[in-house]
Protein backbone atom coordinates (compact mmCIF):
# COMPACT_ATOMS: atom_id res chain seq x y z
CA MET A 1 146.51 17.16 131.20
CA GLU A 2 142.86 16.45 130.41
CA LYS A 3 141.61 19.29 132.64
CA ALA A 4 144.00 21.71 130.99
CA LEU A 5 142.76 20.74 127.56
CA LEU A 6 139.13 20.98 128.62
CA ALA A 7 139.75 24.48 129.89
CA SER A 8 141.56 25.45 126.72
CA ALA A 9 139.70 27.09 123.87
CA ASP A 10 141.93 25.34 121.35
CA LEU A 11 141.96 21.61 120.70
CA GLY A 12 143.94 22.00 117.51
CA GLN A 13 143.11 22.83 113.91
CA GLU A 14 139.89 21.44 112.51
CA ALA A 15 139.65 19.43 109.28
CA GLY A 16 140.11 21.39 106.06
CA LEU A 17 139.63 20.90 102.34
CA ILE A 18 142.05 17.99 102.06
CA ASN A 19 143.53 17.61 105.53
CA PHE A 20 142.24 15.71 108.55
CA ALA A 21 141.64 17.35 111.90
CA GLU A 22 144.82 17.99 113.86
CA VAL A 23 145.61 15.96 116.98
CA PRO A 24 145.59 18.46 119.89
CA LEU A 25 148.88 17.18 121.37
CA ASN A 26 152.45 17.16 120.15
CA ASP A 27 154.46 13.93 120.22
CA SER A 28 155.98 14.43 123.67
CA ALA A 29 152.65 15.41 125.24
CA TRP A 30 150.95 12.44 123.56
CA LYS A 31 153.47 9.97 124.98
CA SER A 32 152.93 11.32 128.49
CA THR A 33 149.17 10.68 128.44
CA SER A 34 147.42 7.49 129.49
CA LEU A 35 145.24 5.33 127.28
CA ARG A 36 142.04 6.80 128.72
CA GLU A 37 143.30 10.37 128.39
CA ARG A 38 144.17 9.82 124.73
CA LEU A 39 140.75 8.44 123.91
CA ARG A 40 138.99 11.14 125.92
CA ILE A 41 140.92 13.99 124.31
CA THR A 42 140.52 12.58 120.82
CA SER A 43 136.80 12.06 121.33
CA LEU A 44 136.34 15.64 122.59
CA LYS A 45 138.28 16.90 119.59
CA VAL A 46 136.02 15.12 117.09
CA LEU A 47 132.85 16.16 118.91
CA ARG A 48 133.94 19.79 119.04
CA ASP A 49 134.90 20.09 115.38
CA ASN A 50 131.76 18.36 114.00
CA ALA A 51 134.12 16.39 111.76
CA PHE A 52 137.41 14.53 111.67
CA LEU A 53 137.53 13.84 107.94
CA PRO A 54 138.18 16.46 105.23
CA VAL A 55 134.54 16.54 104.15
CA PRO A 56 135.05 18.50 100.87
CA ALA A 57 137.61 15.91 99.73
CA VAL A 58 135.25 13.07 100.65
CA ILE A 59 132.37 14.64 98.72
CA SER A 60 134.53 15.33 95.66
CA THR A 61 135.62 11.68 95.74
CA TYR A 62 132.16 10.13 95.90
CA VAL A 63 130.49 12.37 93.31
CA PRO A 64 132.43 10.77 90.41
CA ILE A 65 132.02 7.33 92.02
CA GLY A 66 128.27 7.93 92.06
CA LEU A 67 128.32 9.01 88.43
CA ILE A 68 130.18 5.82 87.51
CA TRP A 69 127.49 3.83 89.35
CA TRP A 70 124.59 5.51 87.57
CA PHE A 71 125.95 5.90 84.07
CA GLY A 72 127.57 2.48 84.23
CA PHE A 73 124.13 0.93 84.40
CA GLN A 74 122.50 3.37 82.00
CA CYS A 75 125.14 3.02 79.30
CA LEU A 76 125.91 -0.70 79.57
CA PHE A 77 122.80 -2.55 80.70
CA MET A 78 119.66 -0.38 80.81
CA ASP A 79 117.10 -0.33 78.03
CA THR A 80 117.12 3.43 77.50
CA SER A 81 114.16 3.29 75.10
CA VAL A 82 111.89 2.97 78.15
CA SER A 83 111.87 4.28 81.69
CA LEU A 84 114.09 2.90 84.42
CA LEU A 85 110.90 2.09 86.32
CA THR A 86 109.86 -0.76 84.05
CA GLU A 87 109.95 -4.45 84.95
CA LEU A 88 113.02 -5.56 83.03
CA ASN A 89 115.07 -2.47 83.86
CA MET A 90 114.28 -2.76 87.57
CA LYS A 91 115.18 -6.45 87.60
CA LYS A 92 118.46 -5.70 85.87
CA PHE A 93 119.11 -2.76 88.18
CA LEU A 94 118.91 -5.16 91.12
CA ILE A 95 121.41 -7.55 89.52
CA TYR A 96 123.64 -4.59 88.67
CA GLN A 97 123.66 -3.59 92.35
CA ILE A 98 125.02 -7.02 93.27
CA LEU A 99 127.70 -6.91 90.57
CA HIS A 100 128.64 -3.34 91.45
CA GLY A 101 129.26 -4.23 95.10
CA LEU A 102 131.14 -7.45 94.38
CA LEU A 103 133.57 -5.64 92.11
CA GLY A 104 134.38 -3.18 94.90
CA LEU A 105 132.75 -0.16 93.29
CA GLY A 106 130.11 0.44 95.96
CA ALA A 107 129.94 -0.06 99.72
CA THR A 108 133.27 0.03 101.62
CA SER A 109 135.01 1.71 98.67
CA SER A 110 137.34 4.71 98.79
CA LEU A 111 137.77 7.05 101.77
CA LEU A 112 134.74 6.14 103.87
CA GLY A 113 135.50 2.48 103.28
CA PHE A 114 139.04 3.17 104.53
CA ARG A 115 140.58 2.12 101.22
CA PHE A 116 143.45 4.48 100.58
CA LYS A 117 145.44 2.64 97.91
CA TRP A 118 142.85 0.69 95.92
CA HIS A 119 139.94 3.11 96.20
CA LEU A 120 137.88 1.07 93.74
CA GLY A 121 138.00 -2.56 92.72
CA GLY A 122 139.87 -3.94 95.71
CA THR A 123 137.05 -6.25 96.79
CA GLY A 124 136.69 -7.96 93.43
CA ILE A 125 140.43 -8.39 92.99
CA HIS A 126 140.78 -9.84 96.49
CA PHE A 127 138.13 -12.47 95.73
CA LEU A 128 140.19 -13.44 92.67
CA MET A 129 143.47 -13.88 94.59
CA PRO A 130 144.37 -17.52 95.39
CA GLY A 131 145.87 -17.79 98.86
CA SER A 132 144.08 -14.76 100.29
CA LEU A 133 142.05 -15.15 103.46
CA CYS A 134 138.40 -16.14 103.22
CA SER A 135 135.60 -17.12 105.61
CA PRO A 136 134.23 -20.53 104.56
CA LEU A 137 130.70 -21.16 105.76
CA LEU A 138 131.34 -24.92 105.74
CA PRO A 139 135.11 -25.30 106.21
CA LYS A 140 135.35 -29.08 105.87
CA LEU A 141 133.22 -29.14 102.74
CA ALA A 142 135.14 -26.18 101.33
CA GLN A 143 138.41 -28.04 101.80
CA LYS A 144 137.07 -31.13 100.04
CA LEU A 145 135.75 -29.08 97.13
CA SER A 146 139.10 -27.27 96.82
CA PHE A 147 140.97 -30.49 95.97
CA ASP A 148 144.01 -28.98 97.76
CA LEU A 149 144.55 -26.58 94.85
CA GLY A 150 146.14 -23.36 96.10
CA ALA A 151 145.02 -23.68 99.73
CA SER A 152 146.42 -25.74 102.57
CA VAL A 153 143.59 -24.84 104.97
CA PRO A 154 139.93 -23.81 104.37
CA GLY A 155 140.66 -20.24 105.43
CA GLN A 156 142.89 -19.76 102.40
CA ARG A 157 141.23 -19.08 99.07
CA SER A 158 141.74 -21.98 96.68
CA PHE A 159 141.87 -21.91 92.89
CA VAL A 160 138.45 -23.58 92.85
CA ALA A 161 137.07 -20.80 95.05
CA VAL A 162 138.52 -18.20 92.68
CA LEU A 163 136.99 -19.94 89.66
CA SER A 164 133.60 -20.12 91.38
CA PHE A 165 133.68 -16.37 92.06
CA ALA A 166 134.71 -15.64 88.47
CA LEU A 167 131.81 -17.79 87.27
CA TYR A 168 129.46 -15.92 89.61
CA ILE A 169 130.53 -12.60 88.07
CA ALA A 170 130.17 -14.02 84.54
CA LEU A 171 126.64 -15.24 85.25
CA LEU A 172 125.62 -11.86 86.64
CA LEU A 173 126.95 -10.22 83.47
CA ARG A 174 125.12 -12.79 81.35
CA ALA A 175 121.85 -11.94 83.09
CA LEU A 176 122.43 -8.21 82.66
CA LEU A 177 122.97 -8.64 78.93
CA ALA A 178 120.00 -10.98 78.43
CA LYS A 179 116.88 -9.73 76.67
CA GLU A 180 114.68 -11.47 79.23
CA LEU A 181 115.24 -12.75 82.75
CA GLY A 182 113.86 -16.20 83.42
CA VAL A 183 114.80 -19.43 85.14
CA SER A 184 117.62 -20.17 82.69
CA GLU A 185 119.30 -16.86 83.56
CA LEU A 186 118.60 -16.83 87.31
CA LEU A 187 118.95 -20.44 88.46
CA PRO A 188 122.67 -20.73 87.57
CA ILE A 189 123.30 -17.57 89.63
CA TYR A 190 121.61 -19.11 92.67
CA LEU A 191 123.60 -22.34 92.38
CA VAL A 192 126.97 -20.67 91.94
CA LEU A 193 126.26 -18.24 94.78
CA VAL A 194 125.67 -21.24 97.06
CA LEU A 195 129.04 -22.63 95.97
CA CYS A 196 130.77 -19.28 96.54
CA THR A 197 129.20 -19.01 99.99
CA ILE A 198 130.52 -22.44 100.98
CA PHE A 199 134.02 -21.22 100.13
CA ASP A 200 133.58 -17.69 101.50
CA PHE A 201 130.58 -16.35 103.38
CA THR A 202 132.01 -12.86 102.87
CA ILE A 203 131.02 -13.07 99.19
CA TYR A 204 127.40 -13.57 100.23
CA LEU A 205 127.59 -10.54 102.52
CA ALA A 206 129.29 -8.48 99.80
CA SER A 207 126.33 -9.38 97.56
CA ARG A 208 124.09 -7.76 100.22
CA GLY A 209 122.52 -11.13 100.88
CA GLU A 210 120.02 -9.74 103.38
CA HIS A 211 118.62 -7.38 100.74
CA TYR A 212 119.66 -7.90 97.13
CA VAL A 213 119.99 -11.70 97.23
CA TYR A 214 116.58 -12.11 98.89
CA MET A 215 115.12 -9.93 96.14
CA LEU A 216 117.06 -11.89 93.54
CA VAL A 217 115.32 -15.07 94.70
CA CYS A 218 111.97 -13.30 94.29
CA LEU A 219 112.67 -12.60 90.60
CA VAL A 220 112.11 -16.22 89.58
CA PHE A 221 108.48 -16.11 90.76
CA PRO A 222 105.54 -14.52 88.91
CA ASP A 223 104.72 -12.41 91.99
CA TRP A 224 108.30 -11.18 92.26
CA ARG A 225 107.29 -7.58 92.91
CA SER A 226 105.25 -8.59 95.96
CA GLY A 227 108.24 -10.51 97.26
CA MET A 228 110.51 -7.50 96.80
CA GLN A 229 107.98 -5.35 98.63
CA CYS A 230 108.11 -7.74 101.60
CA VAL A 231 111.91 -7.72 101.66
CA GLN A 232 112.07 -3.94 101.59
CA LEU A 233 109.45 -3.54 104.31
CA ALA A 234 111.21 -6.10 106.51
CA LEU A 235 114.56 -4.36 106.11
CA TRP A 236 113.06 -1.02 107.14
CA CYS A 237 110.89 -2.29 109.99
CA TRP A 238 113.53 -4.49 111.60
CA ALA A 239 116.05 -1.66 111.34
CA GLY A 240 113.58 0.54 113.22
CA ILE A 241 112.89 -2.11 115.85
CA SER A 242 116.62 -2.67 116.40
CA LYS A 243 116.95 1.03 117.27
CA MET A 244 114.31 0.87 120.02
CA GLY A 245 116.57 0.76 123.03
CA PRO A 246 118.92 2.91 125.12
CA TRP A 247 121.77 2.30 122.66
CA PHE A 248 120.57 4.20 119.59
CA GLN A 249 120.67 7.67 121.14
CA TYR A 250 124.47 7.31 121.33
CA VAL A 251 124.64 6.57 117.61
CA LEU A 252 123.36 9.99 116.49
CA PRO A 253 126.46 11.97 117.54
CA PHE A 254 128.54 9.19 115.97
CA ILE A 255 126.83 9.22 112.56
CA THR A 256 126.26 12.98 112.26
CA LYS A 257 129.94 13.85 112.57
CA ASP A 258 131.61 14.12 109.16
CA SER A 259 128.23 14.85 107.57
CA ALA A 260 127.94 16.69 104.27
CA VAL A 261 127.20 19.96 106.11
CA ALA A 262 129.75 19.52 108.93
CA ASN A 263 132.18 22.12 107.58
CA LEU A 264 129.39 24.68 107.27
CA LEU A 265 128.52 24.49 110.96
CA PRO A 266 130.24 26.50 113.71
CA ARG A 267 132.50 24.64 116.09
CA GLU A 268 130.69 22.77 118.88
CA PHE A 269 127.33 23.18 117.11
CA LEU A 270 126.50 19.47 117.04
CA ALA A 271 128.11 18.96 120.45
CA LYS A 272 125.92 21.64 122.02
CA ILE A 273 122.63 20.26 120.69
CA LEU A 274 123.35 16.52 120.76
CA LEU A 275 125.28 16.24 124.05
CA ALA A 276 124.06 16.92 127.57
CA ASP A 277 126.73 19.45 128.59
CA TYR A 278 129.79 19.42 126.36
CA PRO A 279 132.61 19.02 127.35
CA ARG A 280 131.78 18.11 130.96
CA ASP A 281 128.98 15.66 130.16
CA VAL A 282 129.05 14.06 126.71
CA ASN A 283 126.09 11.76 127.23
CA PRO A 284 123.21 12.31 124.79
CA SER A 285 121.00 15.32 125.46
CA ARG A 286 117.25 15.08 125.91
CA PHE A 287 116.86 16.39 122.37
CA THR A 288 119.05 13.56 121.08
CA THR A 289 117.04 10.98 123.00
CA VAL A 290 113.76 12.31 121.60
CA LEU A 291 115.27 12.46 118.11
CA ALA A 292 116.53 8.87 118.38
CA TRP A 293 113.16 7.47 119.43
CA THR A 294 111.39 9.55 116.78
CA GLY A 295 113.68 8.16 114.10
CA ALA A 296 113.18 4.60 115.31
CA PHE A 297 109.39 4.90 115.30
CA LEU A 298 109.32 6.60 111.89
CA GLU A 299 111.34 3.73 110.46
CA VAL A 300 108.44 1.48 111.42
CA ILE A 301 105.55 3.88 110.81
CA PHE A 302 106.56 4.90 107.28
CA PRO A 303 106.85 1.25 106.10
CA ALA A 304 103.49 0.53 107.73
CA PHE A 305 102.00 3.31 105.62
CA CYS A 306 103.71 1.83 102.55
CA SER A 307 101.64 -1.32 103.01
CA CYS A 308 98.38 0.67 103.00
CA SER A 309 96.37 1.92 100.06
CA ALA A 310 96.68 5.41 98.57
CA PRO A 311 97.19 8.10 99.75
CA LEU A 312 98.88 6.64 102.86
CA ARG A 313 101.34 4.61 100.78
CA TYR A 314 102.45 7.81 99.08
CA PHE A 315 103.18 9.31 102.49
CA GLY A 316 105.10 6.20 103.51
CA GLY A 317 107.08 5.98 100.29
CA TYR A 318 108.11 9.63 100.26
CA GLY A 319 108.80 9.44 103.99
CA MET A 320 111.35 6.68 103.45
CA ILE A 321 112.91 8.62 100.59
CA CYS A 322 113.47 11.48 103.06
CA TYR A 323 114.80 9.02 105.62
CA HIS A 324 117.43 7.67 103.22
CA THR A 325 118.29 11.22 102.16
CA PHE A 326 119.16 11.97 105.79
CA ILE A 327 121.33 8.84 105.99
CA GLY A 328 123.14 9.80 102.80
CA LEU A 329 123.79 13.36 104.03
CA CYS A 330 125.38 11.91 107.16
CA MET A 331 127.94 10.25 104.87
CA PRO A 332 128.15 7.11 107.02
CA PHE A 333 131.30 5.04 107.19
CA ALA A 334 131.32 2.09 104.77
CA SER A 335 130.19 4.49 102.01
CA VAL A 336 126.76 2.98 101.41
CA PHE A 337 125.65 5.75 99.05
CA GLU A 338 124.54 3.57 96.15
CA TRP A 339 122.52 1.43 98.60
CA ASN A 340 120.73 4.53 99.89
CA PHE A 341 119.94 5.75 96.37
CA PHE A 342 118.71 2.30 95.40
CA CYS A 343 116.44 2.22 98.46
CA MET A 344 114.98 5.58 97.41
CA ILE A 345 114.28 4.25 93.93
CA LEU A 346 112.72 1.11 95.43
CA ALA A 347 110.56 3.19 97.77
CA TYR A 348 109.13 5.04 94.79
CA TYR A 349 108.83 2.03 92.47
CA LEU A 350 107.48 -0.51 94.95
CA PHE A 351 105.17 1.66 97.03
CA VAL A 352 104.37 4.91 95.22
CA MET A 353 103.92 3.41 91.77
CA ASN A 354 102.56 0.04 92.93
CA GLN A 355 100.09 -1.13 95.55
CA PHE A 356 101.46 -3.50 98.21
CA SER A 357 100.30 -7.11 98.07
CA LEU A 358 101.48 -10.32 99.72
CA PRO A 359 103.07 -12.96 97.48
CA SER A 360 100.83 -15.90 96.52
CA SER A 361 103.54 -18.46 95.62
CA LEU A 362 103.82 -20.99 98.45
CA PHE A 363 107.57 -21.52 98.18
CA LEU A 364 108.18 -17.78 98.14
CA GLN A 365 105.99 -17.38 101.22
CA VAL A 366 107.98 -20.05 103.09
CA PHE A 367 111.32 -18.58 102.00
CA LEU A 368 110.38 -15.04 103.02
CA THR A 369 108.99 -16.19 106.36
CA LEU A 370 112.30 -17.85 107.13
CA VAL A 371 114.62 -15.03 106.10
CA LEU A 372 112.43 -12.04 106.98
CA VAL A 373 110.93 -13.27 110.25
CA VAL A 374 112.76 -16.23 111.80
CA VAL A 375 116.36 -15.17 111.10
CA PRO A 376 115.89 -11.53 112.21
CA VAL A 377 114.08 -12.57 115.40
CA VAL A 378 116.99 -14.83 116.32
CA GLY A 379 119.47 -12.12 115.33
CA GLN A 380 117.72 -9.45 117.39
CA LEU A 381 117.53 -11.65 120.49
CA TYR A 382 120.92 -13.35 120.11
CA PRO A 383 123.25 -10.91 118.30
CA LYS A 384 126.26 -13.19 118.78
CA LEU A 385 124.70 -15.83 116.52
CA VAL A 386 123.67 -13.81 113.45
CA PRO A 387 125.67 -11.16 111.53
CA PHE A 388 124.11 -7.75 112.04
CA LEU A 389 123.24 -7.37 108.36
CA LEU A 390 121.22 -10.60 108.27
CA ALA A 391 119.61 -9.62 111.59
CA TYR A 392 118.64 -6.21 110.13
CA ARG A 393 120.51 -4.16 112.72
CA PRO A 394 122.17 -1.50 110.51
CA TYR A 395 123.34 1.70 112.24
CA ALA A 396 121.50 0.75 115.42
CA GLY A 397 124.39 0.88 117.90
CA ASN A 398 124.26 -2.81 118.74
CA TRP A 399 126.47 -4.12 115.95
CA ARG A 400 129.10 -6.70 116.72
CA PHE A 401 132.54 -5.20 116.22
CA GLN A 402 136.07 -6.49 116.59
CA TRP A 403 139.46 -5.02 117.38
CA TYR A 404 142.90 -6.45 116.67
CA ILE A 405 145.55 -5.80 119.30
CA LEU A 406 149.15 -6.60 118.42
CA HIS A 407 152.55 -6.07 119.90
CA LYS A 408 154.79 -4.33 117.40
CA THR A 409 157.05 -7.39 117.24
CA ALA A 410 154.21 -9.21 115.43
CA LEU A 411 153.95 -6.63 112.66
CA PRO A 412 156.47 -8.29 110.27
CA LYS A 413 154.40 -11.47 110.35
CA HIS A 414 151.56 -9.63 108.66
CA GLN A 415 153.60 -9.49 105.50
CA LYS A 416 152.66 -13.16 105.12
CA LEU A 417 149.04 -12.18 104.60
CA LYS A 418 147.97 -11.84 100.99
CA THR A 419 146.05 -8.57 100.79
CA MET A 420 145.45 -5.72 98.35
CA GLU A 421 146.50 -3.14 100.94
CA ASP A 422 148.42 -3.08 104.20
CA PRO A 423 146.15 -4.62 106.88
CA PHE A 424 146.70 -1.47 108.94
CA THR A 425 144.82 1.33 107.23
CA GLY A 426 146.86 4.12 108.80
CA ASN A 427 149.87 2.99 106.76
CA ASN A 428 147.81 3.15 103.56
CA LEU A 429 146.50 6.59 104.51
CA GLY A 430 150.05 7.83 105.03
CA TRP A 431 151.06 6.45 101.63
CA MET A 432 148.10 8.18 99.94
CA TYR A 433 148.83 11.60 101.43
CA LYS A 434 152.54 11.39 100.70
CA THR A 435 151.92 10.24 97.11
CA LEU A 436 149.01 12.50 96.16
CA PHE A 437 149.46 15.64 98.23
CA GLY A 438 153.11 15.85 99.29
CA LYS A 439 153.71 18.98 101.35
CA TRP A 440 150.06 20.02 100.93
CA GLY A 441 149.07 17.09 103.12
CA GLU A 442 151.59 17.65 105.90
CA ALA A 443 148.89 19.08 108.17
CA SER A 444 147.39 15.58 108.31
CA LYS A 445 150.59 14.01 109.67
CA SER A 446 149.49 13.87 113.30
CA ALA A 447 146.04 12.52 112.42
CA ILE A 448 147.52 9.82 110.18
CA GLU A 449 149.91 8.71 112.92
CA ARG A 450 146.98 8.54 115.39
CA TRP A 451 144.50 7.16 112.85
CA ASP A 452 143.43 4.12 114.85
CA TRP A 453 143.02 6.22 117.98
CA PHE A 454 140.59 8.51 116.17
CA LEU A 455 138.58 5.55 114.89
CA THR A 456 138.47 3.84 118.26
CA ALA A 457 137.59 7.04 120.14
CA SER A 458 134.68 7.65 117.76
CA ILE A 459 133.30 4.12 118.03
CA ILE A 460 133.56 3.72 121.81
CA TYR A 461 131.31 6.71 122.25
CA VAL A 462 128.66 3.98 121.86
CA PRO A 463 128.58 2.33 125.34
CA ALA A 464 128.58 -1.28 124.10
CA TYR A 465 132.20 -0.91 122.98
CA ARG A 466 133.65 0.89 126.01
CA PRO A 467 134.81 -2.34 127.72
CA LEU A 468 137.55 -2.32 125.09
CA VAL A 469 139.42 0.23 127.21
CA SER A 470 139.53 -1.94 130.34
CA ILE A 471 140.38 -5.02 128.29
CA LEU A 472 143.26 -3.22 126.59
CA GLU A 473 144.56 -1.91 129.91
CA LYS A 474 144.44 -5.41 131.37
CA LEU A 475 146.29 -6.88 128.39
CA CYS A 476 149.06 -4.30 128.71
CA GLU A 477 149.31 -4.90 132.46
CA GLU A 478 149.45 -8.70 132.22
CA ASN A 479 151.94 -8.74 129.34
CA LYS A 480 153.96 -5.74 130.59
CA TRP A 481 153.41 -3.92 127.31
CA ASP A 482 153.87 -0.22 126.74
CA ILE A 483 150.75 1.19 125.09
CA ASP A 484 152.91 2.83 122.39
CA ASP A 485 154.17 -0.63 121.40
CA VAL A 486 150.65 -1.99 120.89
CA PRO A 487 148.94 -1.19 117.57
CA VAL A 488 145.16 -1.33 117.92
CA THR A 489 143.04 -1.50 114.78
CA GLN A 490 139.34 -1.96 114.14
CA VAL A 491 139.27 -2.38 110.36
CA MET A 492 141.98 -4.98 109.79
CA SER A 493 139.51 -7.71 108.81
CA GLY A 494 138.23 -5.67 105.87
CA ARG A 495 141.69 -5.60 104.34
CA CYS A 496 142.26 -9.30 105.02
CA THR A 497 138.91 -10.75 103.92
CA GLY A 498 138.17 -8.42 100.99
CA VAL A 499 135.31 -6.36 102.35
CA ARG A 500 134.47 -4.79 105.68
CA THR A 501 131.10 -6.22 106.70
CA GLY A 502 131.23 -5.47 110.42
CA ALA A 503 130.27 -9.10 110.98
CA THR A 504 132.57 -10.75 113.49
CA PHE A 505 130.66 -13.97 112.80
CA VAL A 506 132.38 -14.49 109.46
CA ASN A 507 135.97 -13.89 110.51
CA PHE A 508 136.63 -17.34 111.89
CA ALA A 509 138.99 -17.62 108.93
CA PHE A 510 141.54 -16.18 111.31
CA PHE A 511 141.01 -19.10 113.68
CA ILE A 512 141.64 -21.51 110.82
CA TYR A 513 144.63 -19.80 109.24
CA ALA A 514 146.15 -17.49 111.86
CA SER A 515 147.45 -20.39 113.93
CA ASP A 516 149.97 -21.02 111.14
CA VAL A 517 151.07 -17.39 111.17
CA PHE A 518 150.50 -15.92 114.64
CA ARG A 519 150.26 -16.73 118.30
CA TYR A 520 146.91 -15.29 119.25
CA LYS A 521 144.30 -15.00 121.97
CA VAL A 522 140.68 -14.05 121.51
CA CYS A 523 138.60 -12.25 124.12
CA MET A 524 134.83 -12.19 123.58
CA TYR A 525 132.82 -9.66 125.57
CA ASN A 526 129.22 -8.80 124.75
CA LEU A 527 129.34 -7.18 121.27
CA ILE A 528 133.15 -7.02 121.15
CA ALA A 529 135.71 -9.48 119.85
CA ILE A 530 139.30 -8.70 120.78
CA TRP A 531 142.02 -10.47 118.81
CA CYS A 532 145.34 -10.30 120.65
CA ILE A 533 148.20 -11.28 118.34
């Protein structure tokens, strides 16, 4: 079967204006293939077509979302009598970024965030739903603080947790509407964020704790700009360092598919230049390896230039603007567009307009040393201990991912979970196409039915996640399961905890709560967590 497909010039229709790429097998042929054949064929299909998603539809979705992001700040909170690049406006822009993400208007929204019913706002509403799943940082303390109101176990969101999140949002709005930002506006935010984090660490991650929250702490000090410069440099440099290994070269084919220019390229274009010998050898080509190491070094060199005096800091600042432009054009999953634009603005404001200097406040120095040096070092060396965002390992290929493997008999039990959307995103995608496009979306039927296969095939191109295949085969063998009776999903946690952070570390809520709902086993292997329910 696989050899026949490899020899064939046709692997099915590519993605169109609104439709996903077609699965290259009909239903009967699909059922006759093995697990490995399905993943192999699906992977070859995506690599050949340059894209799986309907890129024009994705772009047309995020353009208005981006306009809402920009004009939302400009019309509601920005002092338009002066430039954006003034002290108060930049401070408020930072707080706006936090609010924007918490409300579900930014990262992990819409199509690239795999939200097909509640494209916007799902995150914020989830955090306001008593009884929904959460990830308490301190479960025992969270249970005591909940006073048994609305939650029987710490992994369920209590009424107190909901009120604390609502207060957090209110305090962010209060700061955005204030004429000045001082201790009286900022300190309550810090305190309530600590409370929210005790109840649900996911809220901290949704606030972009490793970036925005660190900068938010800097705002209370007189040398706040120097602190923000340190945070931004650390984020860039550690991200570059995390890419310096044999794993990152596999990430480039993964992140360049579904790019903004994918539909303009001829078939197999990216496969021919990024892979060794498509379709026989899909390992990275020499060009890809050189490109990966170049990108990793530039992500350290440009920030180093940012810390120098002019004109080198100009070169570094504009270099990082170009770097984030490339990331944005790749249209990465999780839809981090507003984060990329904000990083571009910060690159210009912090390093082109202003000279780098170290903070002089002792407490700020201690705080930044802890979060920008100690935590990332531990996270880089021991990725199982620190979420990849806090360890500054974004898009490096050594993230910690998780898959949920269920027998179909367990599916009805998931109706007990309180979520904004079906935990299985393929069902939501099918609903969206049937509701919005009707017969115009029928060409996406096969892709929707094989949605989780496409996602898994794309991700396991990165070697760290390939053990999933052997683990899944072993589970089916031991339990005498048919592979067609075993749904496999990678993004379930994002629907159940409110936001998809890619941080397996925080999802121990399932340990706390799932025992009341499911029989489950957990298999931990390297950077993979397999939940078998």
